[in-house]
Amino acid sequence: MEIRSSYQNQGQTLVIDVGTKFDFSKVEDFRNAYDKLDDDVAHIAVDLSQTEYMDSSALGMLLNMQKSLANKELSYSIENARPQVAKILKISRFDKKFDIK
């Protein structure tokens, strides 16, 4: 499954659905999902509802997204993570950088 992105809340939220596997093979697709960000966007939500596998490169991709968009005033959330993925995020202390829902 490819990464899909969509706009919600009248274009103020970009939702990125990473699919079942979030690993190094998704680097380019993930970057493309937020690369040409509309000016109206105030929040980026990464939807992990389908994600069954996530590796350390996925964590790096999330941090790189924040770093590359640092010049914009945005909030970030990671949403709908399954228990095993949520555990990885918690152990990695991603709750300090992202609102995890």
Protein backbone atom coordinates (compact mmCIF):
# COMPACT_ATOMS: atom_id res chain seq x y z
CA MET A 1 0.00 0.00 0.00
CA GLU A 2 1.28 3.41 -0.93
CA ILE A 3 1.33 6.42 1.35
CA ARG A 4 -1.80 8.49 0.87
CA SER A 5 -2.34 12.07 1.93
CA SER A 6 -5.48 14.14 2.14
CA TYR A 7 -6.60 17.50 3.44
CA GLN A 8 -9.26 17.87 6.13
CA ASN A 9 -10.81 20.70 8.17
CA GLN A 10 -11.13 23.05 5.20
CA GLY A 11 -7.52 22.38 4.21
CA GLN A 12 -6.03 23.15 7.62
CA THR A 13 -5.00 19.56 8.39
CA LEU A 14 -2.85 17.32 6.23
CA VAL A 15 -3.46 13.65 7.05
CA ILE A 16 -0.74 11.22 5.96
CA ASP A 17 -1.75 7.54 5.95
CA VAL A 18 1.44 5.46 5.81
CA GLY A 19 -0.18 2.08 5.22
CA THR A 20 0.71 -1.30 6.71
CA LYS A 21 4.50 -1.05 6.63
CA PHE A 22 6.40 2.10 7.64
CA ASP A 23 10.06 1.53 6.83
CA PHE A 24 12.95 2.72 4.69
CA SER A 25 11.16 1.76 1.47
CA LYS A 26 8.71 4.62 2.13
CA VAL A 27 11.25 7.45 2.48
CA GLU A 28 10.57 9.14 -0.84
CA ASP A 29 6.79 8.66 -0.74
CA PHE A 30 6.60 10.00 2.82
CA ARG A 31 8.65 13.08 1.93
CA ASN A 32 6.48 13.70 -1.13
CA ALA A 33 3.35 13.58 1.04
CA TYR A 34 4.30 16.82 2.85
CA ASP A 35 6.81 18.38 0.43
CA LYS A 36 4.40 20.75 -1.34
CA LEU A 37 2.39 21.82 1.67
CA ASP A 38 -0.55 24.16 1.12
CA ASP A 39 -0.23 27.50 2.94
CA ASP A 40 -3.49 26.91 4.84
CA VAL A 41 -2.12 23.84 6.66
CA ALA A 42 -1.65 24.34 10.41
CA HIS A 43 -1.51 20.69 11.49
CA ILE A 44 -0.07 17.44 10.16
CA ALA A 45 -1.57 14.17 11.36
CA VAL A 46 0.26 10.91 10.63
CA ASP A 47 -2.30 8.11 10.60
CA LEU A 48 -0.89 4.76 11.71
CA SER A 49 -4.21 2.90 11.90
CA GLN A 50 -3.12 0.39 9.22
CA THR A 51 0.52 0.20 10.32
CA GLU A 52 1.60 -3.23 11.56
CA TYR A 53 5.36 -2.75 11.18
CA MET A 54 7.54 0.27 11.84
CA ASP A 55 11.34 0.43 12.04
CA SER A 56 13.91 2.99 13.16
CA SER A 57 14.01 4.63 9.73
CA ALA A 58 10.32 5.50 10.18
CA LEU A 59 11.18 7.31 13.40
CA GLY A 60 13.87 9.20 11.50
CA MET A 61 11.39 10.13 8.77
CA LEU A 62 9.03 11.61 11.35
CA LEU A 63 11.84 13.70 12.86
CA ASN A 64 13.07 14.77 9.43
CA MET A 65 9.56 15.95 8.56
CA GLN A 66 9.53 18.23 11.60
CA LYS A 67 13.04 19.46 10.85
CA SER A 68 12.33 20.22 7.20
CA LEU A 69 9.13 22.12 8.11
CA ALA A 70 10.63 23.97 11.09
CA ASN A 71 10.21 27.34 9.34
CA LYS A 72 6.41 26.89 9.39
CA GLU A 73 4.20 27.13 12.45
CA LEU A 74 2.70 23.65 12.51
CA SER A 75 1.47 21.19 15.10
CA TYR A 76 1.94 17.46 14.66
CA SER A 77 0.14 14.35 15.81
CA ILE A 78 0.51 10.62 15.40
CA GLU A 79 -2.90 9.00 15.42
CA ASN A 80 -4.52 5.58 15.71
CA ALA A 81 -1.33 3.62 16.40
CA ARG A 82 -1.82 -0.06 17.11
CA PRO A 83 -0.50 -1.24 20.50
CA GLN A 84 2.82 -2.64 19.22
CA VAL A 85 3.54 0.54 17.24
CA ALA A 86 2.42 2.78 20.12
CA LYS A 87 4.91 0.94 22.34
CA ILE A 88 7.77 1.75 19.93
CA LEU A 89 6.74 5.42 19.93
CA LYS A 90 6.55 5.54 23.72
CA ILE A 91 9.91 3.81 24.25
CA SER A 92 11.46 6.22 21.73
CA ARG A 93 9.91 9.15 23.64
CA PHE A 94 8.05 10.43 20.60
CA ASP A 95 5.31 11.63 22.92
CA LYS A 96 7.67 14.54 23.67
CA LYS A 97 7.74 15.67 20.02
CA PHE A 98 4.29 14.62 18.78
CA ASP A 99 0.80 14.61 20.20
CA ILE A 100 0.02 10.89 20.19
CA LYS A 101 -3.71 10.15 19.91
